[in-house]
N, C-alpha and C. Protein backbone atom coordinates (compact mmCIF):
# COMPACT_ATOMS: atom_id res chain seq x y z
N MET A 1 0.86 -1.17 0.00
CA MET A 1 0.00 0.00 0.00
C MET A 1 0.90 1.23 0.00
N THR A 2 0.62 2.18 -0.91
CA THR A 2 1.38 3.41 -0.99
C THR A 2 0.45 4.59 -0.82
N ILE A 3 0.77 5.48 0.10
CA ILE A 3 -0.02 6.70 0.28
C ILE A 3 0.96 7.86 0.32
N THR A 4 0.76 8.85 -0.56
CA THR A 4 1.63 10.01 -0.60
C THR A 4 1.34 10.90 0.60
N GLN A 5 2.37 11.28 1.33
CA GLN A 5 2.19 12.14 2.51
C GLN A 5 2.13 13.60 2.08
N GLN A 6 1.33 14.38 2.71
CA GLN A 6 1.16 15.80 2.41
C GLN A 6 0.58 16.50 3.63
N LYS A 7 0.27 17.79 3.46
CA LYS A 7 -0.25 18.58 4.58
C LYS A 7 -1.52 17.96 5.16
N TRP A 8 -2.45 17.58 4.33
CA TRP A 8 -3.70 16.98 4.78
C TRP A 8 -3.56 15.48 4.70
N PRO A 9 -3.92 14.77 5.74
CA PRO A 9 -3.68 13.32 5.77
C PRO A 9 -4.65 12.53 4.89
N ILE A 10 -4.17 11.40 4.40
CA ILE A 10 -5.02 10.42 3.75
C ILE A 10 -5.20 9.30 4.77
N VAL A 11 -6.45 9.01 5.08
CA VAL A 11 -6.76 7.98 6.07
C VAL A 11 -7.76 6.99 5.47
N LEU A 12 -7.83 5.81 6.05
CA LEU A 12 -8.80 4.81 5.62
C LEU A 12 -10.05 4.93 6.49
N ILE A 13 -11.21 5.08 5.83
CA ILE A 13 -12.48 5.27 6.53
C ILE A 13 -13.51 4.31 5.96
N ASP A 14 -14.38 3.81 6.81
CA ASP A 14 -15.50 2.98 6.38
C ASP A 14 -16.39 3.85 5.47
N PRO A 15 -16.63 3.45 4.22
CA PRO A 15 -17.41 4.30 3.32
C PRO A 15 -18.84 4.55 3.80
N HIS A 16 -19.35 3.69 4.66
CA HIS A 16 -20.71 3.87 5.16
C HIS A 16 -20.81 5.02 6.17
N ARG A 17 -19.67 5.51 6.64
CA ARG A 17 -19.66 6.66 7.55
C ARG A 17 -19.67 7.98 6.79
N LEU A 18 -19.33 7.95 5.50
CA LEU A 18 -19.23 9.18 4.71
C LEU A 18 -20.62 9.68 4.34
N ARG A 19 -20.75 11.00 4.30
CA ARG A 19 -22.04 11.63 4.04
C ARG A 19 -22.03 12.31 2.69
N ARG A 20 -22.99 11.91 1.86
CA ARG A 20 -23.12 12.52 0.54
C ARG A 20 -23.92 13.82 0.65
N HIS A 21 -23.65 14.74 -0.28
CA HIS A 21 -24.47 15.95 -0.36
C HIS A 21 -25.08 16.12 -1.75
N GLU A 22 -24.68 15.26 -2.69
CA GLU A 22 -25.29 15.30 -4.02
C GLU A 22 -25.38 13.89 -4.59
N GLU A 23 -26.33 13.72 -5.49
CA GLU A 23 -26.51 12.44 -6.16
C GLU A 23 -25.33 12.19 -7.10
N HIS A 24 -25.28 10.99 -7.64
CA HIS A 24 -24.26 10.67 -8.62
C HIS A 24 -24.94 10.16 -9.89
N ASP A 25 -24.20 10.17 -10.99
CA ASP A 25 -24.70 9.66 -12.26
C ASP A 25 -24.45 8.15 -12.30
N ALA A 26 -25.51 7.37 -12.39
CA ALA A 26 -25.41 5.92 -12.28
C ALA A 26 -24.55 5.31 -13.39
N ALA A 27 -24.69 5.79 -14.61
CA ALA A 27 -23.90 5.23 -15.72
C ALA A 27 -22.41 5.48 -15.51
N HIS A 28 -22.08 6.69 -15.06
CA HIS A 28 -20.67 7.01 -14.79
C HIS A 28 -20.15 6.16 -13.64
N ALA A 29 -20.95 5.99 -12.60
CA ALA A 29 -20.53 5.17 -11.45
C ALA A 29 -20.29 3.73 -11.88
N CYS A 30 -21.13 3.21 -12.76
CA CYS A 30 -20.98 1.83 -13.22
C CYS A 30 -19.69 1.68 -14.03
N ALA A 31 -19.41 2.62 -14.92
CA ALA A 31 -18.18 2.55 -15.72
C ALA A 31 -16.95 2.66 -14.82
N LEU A 32 -17.01 3.56 -13.85
CA LEU A 32 -15.90 3.73 -12.90
C LEU A 32 -15.72 2.46 -12.06
N HIS A 33 -16.82 1.87 -11.65
CA HIS A 33 -16.81 0.62 -10.88
C HIS A 33 -16.03 -0.45 -11.65
N ASP A 34 -16.39 -0.64 -12.91
CA ASP A 34 -15.73 -1.67 -13.72
C ASP A 34 -14.25 -1.37 -13.90
N ALA A 35 -13.90 -0.09 -14.09
CA ALA A 35 -12.49 0.28 -14.28
C ALA A 35 -11.67 0.04 -13.01
N ILE A 36 -12.21 0.42 -11.87
CA ILE A 36 -11.49 0.23 -10.60
C ILE A 36 -11.34 -1.25 -10.29
N LEU A 37 -12.40 -2.03 -10.49
CA LEU A 37 -12.30 -3.46 -10.22
C LEU A 37 -11.32 -4.14 -11.18
N ALA A 38 -11.31 -3.71 -12.43
CA ALA A 38 -10.36 -4.30 -13.40
C ALA A 38 -8.92 -4.00 -13.01
N ALA A 39 -8.67 -2.78 -12.51
CA ALA A 39 -7.32 -2.40 -12.09
C ALA A 39 -6.92 -3.12 -10.81
N GLY A 40 -7.89 -3.36 -9.95
CA GLY A 40 -7.61 -4.03 -8.68
C GLY A 40 -6.92 -3.16 -7.65
N VAL A 41 -6.84 -1.86 -7.95
CA VAL A 41 -6.12 -0.91 -7.08
C VAL A 41 -6.93 0.38 -6.98
N TRP A 42 -7.01 0.92 -5.76
CA TRP A 42 -7.66 2.23 -5.53
C TRP A 42 -6.56 3.28 -5.63
N THR A 43 -6.71 4.24 -6.55
CA THR A 43 -5.63 5.20 -6.80
C THR A 43 -5.94 6.65 -6.43
N THR A 44 -7.21 6.99 -6.27
CA THR A 44 -7.57 8.38 -6.00
C THR A 44 -8.41 8.46 -4.73
N PRO A 45 -7.90 9.13 -3.69
CA PRO A 45 -8.69 9.21 -2.46
C PRO A 45 -9.94 10.07 -2.64
N ILE A 46 -10.96 9.77 -1.86
CA ILE A 46 -12.15 10.61 -1.78
C ILE A 46 -11.79 11.79 -0.89
N ILE A 47 -12.14 12.99 -1.31
CA ILE A 47 -11.83 14.17 -0.49
C ILE A 47 -13.02 14.42 0.43
N VAL A 48 -12.73 14.45 1.73
CA VAL A 48 -13.77 14.47 2.76
C VAL A 48 -13.56 15.63 3.72
N GLU A 49 -14.62 16.34 4.02
CA GLU A 49 -14.60 17.38 5.05
C GLU A 49 -14.47 16.66 6.39
N TRP A 50 -13.42 16.96 7.12
CA TRP A 50 -13.02 16.16 8.29
C TRP A 50 -14.01 16.22 9.45
N GLU A 51 -14.70 17.33 9.64
CA GLU A 51 -15.54 17.47 10.83
C GLU A 51 -16.82 16.63 10.76
N ASP A 52 -17.51 16.70 9.62
CA ASP A 52 -18.79 15.99 9.46
C ASP A 52 -18.70 14.81 8.49
N LEU A 53 -17.50 14.52 7.99
CA LEU A 53 -17.28 13.42 7.04
C LEU A 53 -18.14 13.55 5.78
N ILE A 54 -18.24 14.78 5.28
CA ILE A 54 -19.00 15.06 4.07
C ILE A 54 -18.08 14.92 2.86
N VAL A 55 -18.55 14.20 1.85
CA VAL A 55 -17.79 14.03 0.62
C VAL A 55 -17.74 15.37 -0.11
N MET A 56 -16.54 15.89 -0.31
CA MET A 56 -16.35 17.11 -1.09
C MET A 56 -16.17 16.74 -2.57
N ASP A 57 -15.37 15.73 -2.81
CA ASP A 57 -15.10 15.27 -4.17
C ASP A 57 -14.97 13.76 -4.12
N GLY A 58 -15.80 13.07 -4.92
CA GLY A 58 -15.68 11.62 -4.96
C GLY A 58 -16.98 10.87 -4.76
N HIS A 59 -18.12 11.47 -5.08
CA HIS A 59 -19.40 10.78 -4.92
C HIS A 59 -19.46 9.50 -5.76
N HIS A 60 -18.90 9.54 -6.96
CA HIS A 60 -18.91 8.34 -7.80
C HIS A 60 -17.99 7.27 -7.23
N ARG A 61 -16.84 7.68 -6.71
CA ARG A 61 -15.93 6.73 -6.07
C ARG A 61 -16.57 6.13 -4.82
N LEU A 62 -17.33 6.93 -4.08
CA LEU A 62 -18.03 6.41 -2.90
C LEU A 62 -19.04 5.34 -3.33
N SER A 63 -19.76 5.60 -4.41
CA SER A 63 -20.70 4.62 -4.92
C SER A 63 -19.99 3.31 -5.28
N VAL A 64 -18.83 3.42 -5.91
CA VAL A 64 -18.04 2.24 -6.26
C VAL A 64 -17.63 1.48 -5.00
N ALA A 65 -17.14 2.20 -4.00
CA ALA A 65 -16.69 1.56 -2.76
C ALA A 65 -17.82 0.78 -2.10
N CYS A 66 -19.00 1.37 -2.07
CA CYS A 66 -20.15 0.69 -1.46
C CYS A 66 -20.60 -0.50 -2.29
N ALA A 67 -20.71 -0.32 -3.60
CA ALA A 67 -21.16 -1.41 -4.47
C ALA A 67 -20.18 -2.57 -4.47
N ALA A 68 -18.89 -2.27 -4.31
CA ALA A 68 -17.86 -3.31 -4.31
C ALA A 68 -17.69 -3.96 -2.94
N GLY A 69 -18.43 -3.48 -1.94
CA GLY A 69 -18.37 -4.07 -0.61
C GLY A 69 -17.09 -3.76 0.14
N LEU A 70 -16.48 -2.61 -0.15
CA LEU A 70 -15.27 -2.25 0.57
C LEU A 70 -15.61 -1.83 1.99
N SER A 71 -14.79 -2.23 2.93
CA SER A 71 -15.03 -1.86 4.33
C SER A 71 -14.26 -0.60 4.71
N GLN A 72 -13.33 -0.19 3.85
CA GLN A 72 -12.62 1.07 4.07
C GLN A 72 -12.17 1.61 2.72
N VAL A 73 -11.99 2.92 2.67
CA VAL A 73 -11.61 3.58 1.43
C VAL A 73 -10.64 4.72 1.77
N PRO A 74 -9.62 4.96 0.93
CA PRO A 74 -8.71 6.07 1.19
C PRO A 74 -9.43 7.41 1.06
N CYS A 75 -9.27 8.26 2.06
CA CYS A 75 -9.89 9.58 2.07
C CYS A 75 -8.86 10.64 2.43
N LEU A 76 -8.85 11.72 1.69
CA LEU A 76 -8.03 12.87 2.02
C LEU A 76 -8.90 13.80 2.85
N MET A 77 -8.48 14.06 4.06
CA MET A 77 -9.27 14.88 4.97
C MET A 77 -8.96 16.36 4.74
N ALA A 78 -10.01 17.19 4.64
CA ALA A 78 -9.85 18.60 4.33
C ALA A 78 -10.86 19.42 5.12
N ASP A 79 -10.88 20.73 4.88
CA ASP A 79 -11.88 21.60 5.50
C ASP A 79 -12.25 22.72 4.53
N TYR A 80 -13.35 23.41 4.85
CA TYR A 80 -13.83 24.46 3.96
C TYR A 80 -13.04 25.76 4.08
N GLN A 81 -12.09 25.83 4.98
CA GLN A 81 -11.21 27.00 5.01
C GLN A 81 -10.13 26.87 3.93
N SER A 82 -9.87 25.64 3.49
CA SER A 82 -8.83 25.39 2.50
C SER A 82 -9.39 25.08 1.12
N VAL A 83 -10.67 24.79 1.03
CA VAL A 83 -11.30 24.40 -0.22
C VAL A 83 -12.42 25.38 -0.54
N ARG A 84 -12.38 25.93 -1.75
CA ARG A 84 -13.43 26.85 -2.19
C ARG A 84 -14.51 26.04 -2.93
N VAL A 85 -15.77 26.42 -2.73
CA VAL A 85 -16.87 25.70 -3.37
C VAL A 85 -17.74 26.67 -4.15
N GLU A 86 -18.28 26.19 -5.27
CA GLU A 86 -19.20 26.99 -6.08
C GLU A 86 -20.23 26.06 -6.72
N SER A 87 -21.28 26.66 -7.25
CA SER A 87 -22.32 25.89 -7.92
C SER A 87 -22.01 25.80 -9.41
N ARG A 88 -22.28 24.66 -9.99
CA ARG A 88 -22.18 24.48 -11.44
C ARG A 88 -23.52 24.76 -12.11
N ARG A 89 -24.55 24.97 -11.31
CA ARG A 89 -25.91 25.16 -11.83
C ARG A 89 -26.44 26.51 -11.36
N ALA A 90 -26.97 27.27 -12.30
CA ALA A 90 -27.46 28.61 -11.99
C ALA A 90 -28.62 28.59 -10.99
N GLU A 91 -29.38 27.51 -10.97
CA GLU A 91 -30.56 27.45 -10.09
C GLU A 91 -30.23 27.14 -8.64
N PHE A 92 -28.96 26.90 -8.33
CA PHE A 92 -28.57 26.59 -6.95
C PHE A 92 -27.49 27.54 -6.47
N VAL A 93 -27.67 28.04 -5.26
CA VAL A 93 -26.62 28.76 -4.55
C VAL A 93 -26.00 27.73 -3.61
N VAL A 94 -24.68 27.66 -3.60
CA VAL A 94 -24.00 26.63 -2.81
C VAL A 94 -23.03 27.28 -1.85
N THR A 95 -23.18 26.97 -0.58
CA THR A 95 -22.23 27.40 0.45
C THR A 95 -21.87 26.17 1.29
N PRO A 96 -20.78 26.23 2.03
CA PRO A 96 -20.46 25.10 2.92
C PRO A 96 -21.61 24.77 3.87
N ASN A 97 -22.31 25.78 4.38
CA ASN A 97 -23.44 25.51 5.28
C ASN A 97 -24.59 24.81 4.55
N ASP A 98 -24.85 25.20 3.29
CA ASP A 98 -25.88 24.52 2.50
C ASP A 98 -25.51 23.05 2.30
N ILE A 99 -24.25 22.81 2.01
CA ILE A 99 -23.77 21.44 1.80
C ILE A 99 -23.94 20.62 3.08
N ARG A 100 -23.55 21.19 4.20
CA ARG A 100 -23.71 20.48 5.48
C ARG A 100 -25.18 20.13 5.73
N GLN A 101 -26.06 21.09 5.47
CA GLN A 101 -27.49 20.87 5.69
C GLN A 101 -28.01 19.73 4.81
N ARG A 102 -27.62 19.72 3.55
CA ARG A 102 -28.08 18.66 2.65
C ARG A 102 -27.51 17.30 3.05
N ALA A 103 -26.28 17.29 3.50
CA ALA A 103 -25.67 16.02 3.95
C ALA A 103 -26.39 15.50 5.19
N ARG A 104 -26.77 16.39 6.07
CA ARG A 104 -27.44 15.97 7.32
C ARG A 104 -28.88 15.51 7.08
N THR A 105 -29.58 16.18 6.16
CA THR A 105 -30.99 15.88 5.94
C THR A 105 -31.23 14.82 4.87
N GLY A 106 -30.24 14.58 4.02
CA GLY A 106 -30.42 13.63 2.93
C GLY A 106 -31.12 14.23 1.72
N LEU A 107 -31.41 15.52 1.75
CA LEU A 107 -31.99 16.22 0.60
C LEU A 107 -30.83 16.60 -0.32
N LEU A 108 -30.46 15.70 -1.21
CA LEU A 108 -29.23 15.83 -1.98
C LEU A 108 -29.41 16.71 -3.21
N TYR A 109 -28.33 17.41 -3.56
CA TYR A 109 -28.29 18.15 -4.82
C TYR A 109 -28.31 17.15 -5.97
N PRO A 110 -28.72 17.60 -7.17
CA PRO A 110 -28.56 16.74 -8.36
C PRO A 110 -27.07 16.49 -8.63
N PRO A 111 -26.76 15.49 -9.46
CA PRO A 111 -25.35 15.21 -9.76
C PRO A 111 -24.62 16.43 -10.32
N LYS A 112 -23.37 16.54 -9.96
CA LYS A 112 -22.48 17.58 -10.47
C LYS A 112 -23.02 19.00 -10.25
N THR A 113 -23.66 19.24 -9.12
CA THR A 113 -24.12 20.59 -8.78
C THR A 113 -23.00 21.40 -8.15
N THR A 114 -22.23 20.77 -7.28
CA THR A 114 -21.17 21.50 -6.58
C THR A 114 -19.83 21.27 -7.25
N ARG A 115 -19.00 22.28 -7.15
CA ARG A 115 -17.62 22.17 -7.63
C ARG A 115 -16.73 22.63 -6.49
N HIS A 116 -15.92 21.72 -5.98
CA HIS A 116 -14.96 22.04 -4.93
C HIS A 116 -13.60 22.27 -5.57
N HIS A 117 -13.04 23.44 -5.33
CA HIS A 117 -11.73 23.77 -5.89
C HIS A 117 -10.67 23.33 -4.89
N ILE A 118 -10.00 22.26 -5.23
CA ILE A 118 -8.99 21.66 -4.38
C ILE A 118 -7.64 22.28 -4.72
N PRO A 119 -6.87 22.70 -3.74
CA PRO A 119 -5.55 23.28 -4.03
C PRO A 119 -4.70 22.32 -4.87
N SER A 120 -4.02 22.86 -5.88
CA SER A 120 -3.25 22.02 -6.81
C SER A 120 -2.13 21.25 -6.12
N GLU A 121 -1.60 21.79 -5.04
CA GLU A 121 -0.53 21.07 -4.33
C GLU A 121 -1.04 19.82 -3.62
N TRP A 122 -2.36 19.62 -3.62
CA TRP A 122 -2.94 18.43 -3.02
C TRP A 122 -3.01 17.28 -4.02
N ASN A 123 -2.26 17.37 -5.08
CA ASN A 123 -2.28 16.33 -6.11
C ASN A 123 -1.91 15.00 -5.47
N SER A 124 -2.84 14.48 -4.71
CA SER A 124 -2.58 13.27 -3.93
C SER A 124 -2.87 12.03 -4.75
N CYS A 125 -2.15 11.01 -4.41
CA CYS A 125 -2.41 9.72 -5.03
C CYS A 125 -2.16 8.65 -3.99
N CYS A 126 -2.68 7.50 -4.27
CA CYS A 126 -2.45 6.36 -3.41
C CYS A 126 -2.52 5.12 -4.30
N ALA A 127 -2.04 4.04 -3.81
CA ALA A 127 -2.13 2.77 -4.53
C ALA A 127 -2.41 1.70 -3.48
N VAL A 128 -3.68 1.42 -3.30
CA VAL A 128 -4.09 0.46 -2.28
C VAL A 128 -4.82 -0.69 -2.98
N GLU A 129 -4.33 -1.89 -2.78
CA GLU A 129 -4.98 -3.07 -3.36
C GLU A 129 -6.41 -3.17 -2.83
N LEU A 130 -7.34 -3.44 -3.73
CA LEU A 130 -8.74 -3.55 -3.31
C LEU A 130 -8.93 -4.65 -2.27
N ALA A 131 -8.16 -5.71 -2.37
CA ALA A 131 -8.27 -6.80 -1.39
C ALA A 131 -8.00 -6.30 0.02
N ALA A 132 -7.12 -5.31 0.16
CA ALA A 132 -6.81 -4.76 1.48
C ALA A 132 -7.95 -3.89 2.01
N LEU A 133 -8.83 -3.44 1.12
CA LEU A 133 -9.93 -2.57 1.51
C LEU A 133 -11.24 -3.33 1.73
N ARG A 134 -11.22 -4.62 1.42
CA ARG A 134 -12.43 -5.44 1.55
C ARG A 134 -12.48 -6.14 2.90
N LYS A 135 -13.69 -6.43 3.31
CA LYS A 135 -13.91 -7.27 4.48
C LYS A 135 -15.08 -8.18 4.12
N ILE A 136 -14.94 -9.46 4.35
CA ILE A 136 -15.95 -10.42 3.91
C ILE A 136 -17.34 -10.07 4.43
N THR A 137 -17.43 -9.58 5.64
CA THR A 137 -18.73 -9.28 6.23
C THR A 137 -19.15 -7.83 6.04
N ALA A 138 -18.49 -7.11 5.13
CA ALA A 138 -18.83 -5.69 4.92
C ALA A 138 -20.29 -5.57 4.49
N PRO A 139 -21.03 -4.65 5.10
CA PRO A 139 -22.42 -4.44 4.69
C PRO A 139 -22.46 -3.86 3.29
N ASN A 140 -23.55 -4.10 2.60
CA ASN A 140 -23.70 -3.57 1.26
C ASN A 140 -24.36 -2.19 1.34
N CYS A 141 -24.10 -1.37 0.39
CA CYS A 141 -24.69 -0.04 0.33
C CYS A 141 -25.93 -0.12 -0.55
N ALA A 142 -27.10 -0.15 0.03
CA ALA A 142 -28.32 -0.30 -0.75
C ALA A 142 -28.49 0.83 -1.76
N TRP A 143 -28.16 2.06 -1.37
CA TRP A 143 -28.36 3.17 -2.31
C TRP A 143 -27.44 3.05 -3.51
N ALA A 144 -26.25 2.47 -3.36
CA ALA A 144 -25.33 2.33 -4.49
C ALA A 144 -25.95 1.42 -5.54
N HIS A 145 -26.49 0.28 -5.11
CA HIS A 145 -27.11 -0.64 -6.06
C HIS A 145 -28.41 -0.08 -6.61
N SER A 146 -29.18 0.60 -5.80
CA SER A 146 -30.46 1.11 -6.27
C SER A 146 -30.29 2.26 -7.26
N HIS A 147 -29.11 2.88 -7.31
CA HIS A 147 -28.88 3.99 -8.22
C HIS A 147 -28.12 3.59 -9.47
N LEU A 148 -27.90 2.30 -9.68
CA LEU A 148 -27.35 1.84 -10.94
C LEU A 148 -28.49 1.87 -11.96
N PRO A 149 -28.17 1.93 -13.27
CA PRO A 149 -29.21 2.15 -14.28
C PRO A 149 -30.42 1.22 -14.16
N ASN A 150 -30.24 -0.07 -14.07
CA ASN A 150 -31.34 -1.00 -13.83
C ASN A 150 -30.73 -2.34 -13.44
N PRO A 151 -31.52 -3.25 -12.87
CA PRO A 151 -30.94 -4.50 -12.35
C PRO A 151 -30.14 -5.29 -13.39
N GLU A 152 -30.56 -5.28 -14.66
CA GLU A 152 -29.84 -6.02 -15.68
C GLU A 152 -28.48 -5.40 -15.99
N ASP A 153 -28.32 -4.10 -15.75
CA ASP A 153 -27.08 -3.40 -16.07
C ASP A 153 -26.17 -3.22 -14.87
N ARG A 154 -26.48 -3.84 -13.75
CA ARG A 154 -25.64 -3.66 -12.56
C ARG A 154 -24.22 -4.10 -12.84
N CYS A 155 -23.31 -3.40 -12.28
CA CYS A 155 -21.90 -3.71 -12.46
C CYS A 155 -21.57 -5.03 -11.80
N ALA A 156 -20.72 -5.78 -12.45
CA ALA A 156 -20.28 -7.06 -11.87
C ALA A 156 -19.35 -6.77 -10.71
N VAL A 157 -19.56 -7.43 -9.59
CA VAL A 157 -18.69 -7.25 -8.43
C VAL A 157 -17.85 -8.48 -8.26
């Protein structure tokens, strides 16, 4: 397992503890799922707000982690003092407080509504074998499977 050290730590967290604030695109999540499983290695950490464990960047990767039954996933811990956020959609105003509220209530933004500007020096990478992230008794993420295009198109795990 290789994790690049930097100012903000990369830690392994149970994906079921992470809080989403926006939906994900099921087709993209399925393609990403197949690519990650084919590689057998997790290479990009999910960027997570450290206080409330809110996903800043990586909703599709979170979906993959849950659908693949991973019991832990690499996460780069950050905060909203270091990361700037904006809306990609004119119909939504996005602030860190709005994101926290949506994560807490489950009233999620549509996919790709928020854009978190991550400092370029955070060009983090990791190389963690998927086998090291799995646990045989890991619970399944019902929302990950329910948000795939349809039962016939579910990604092979």
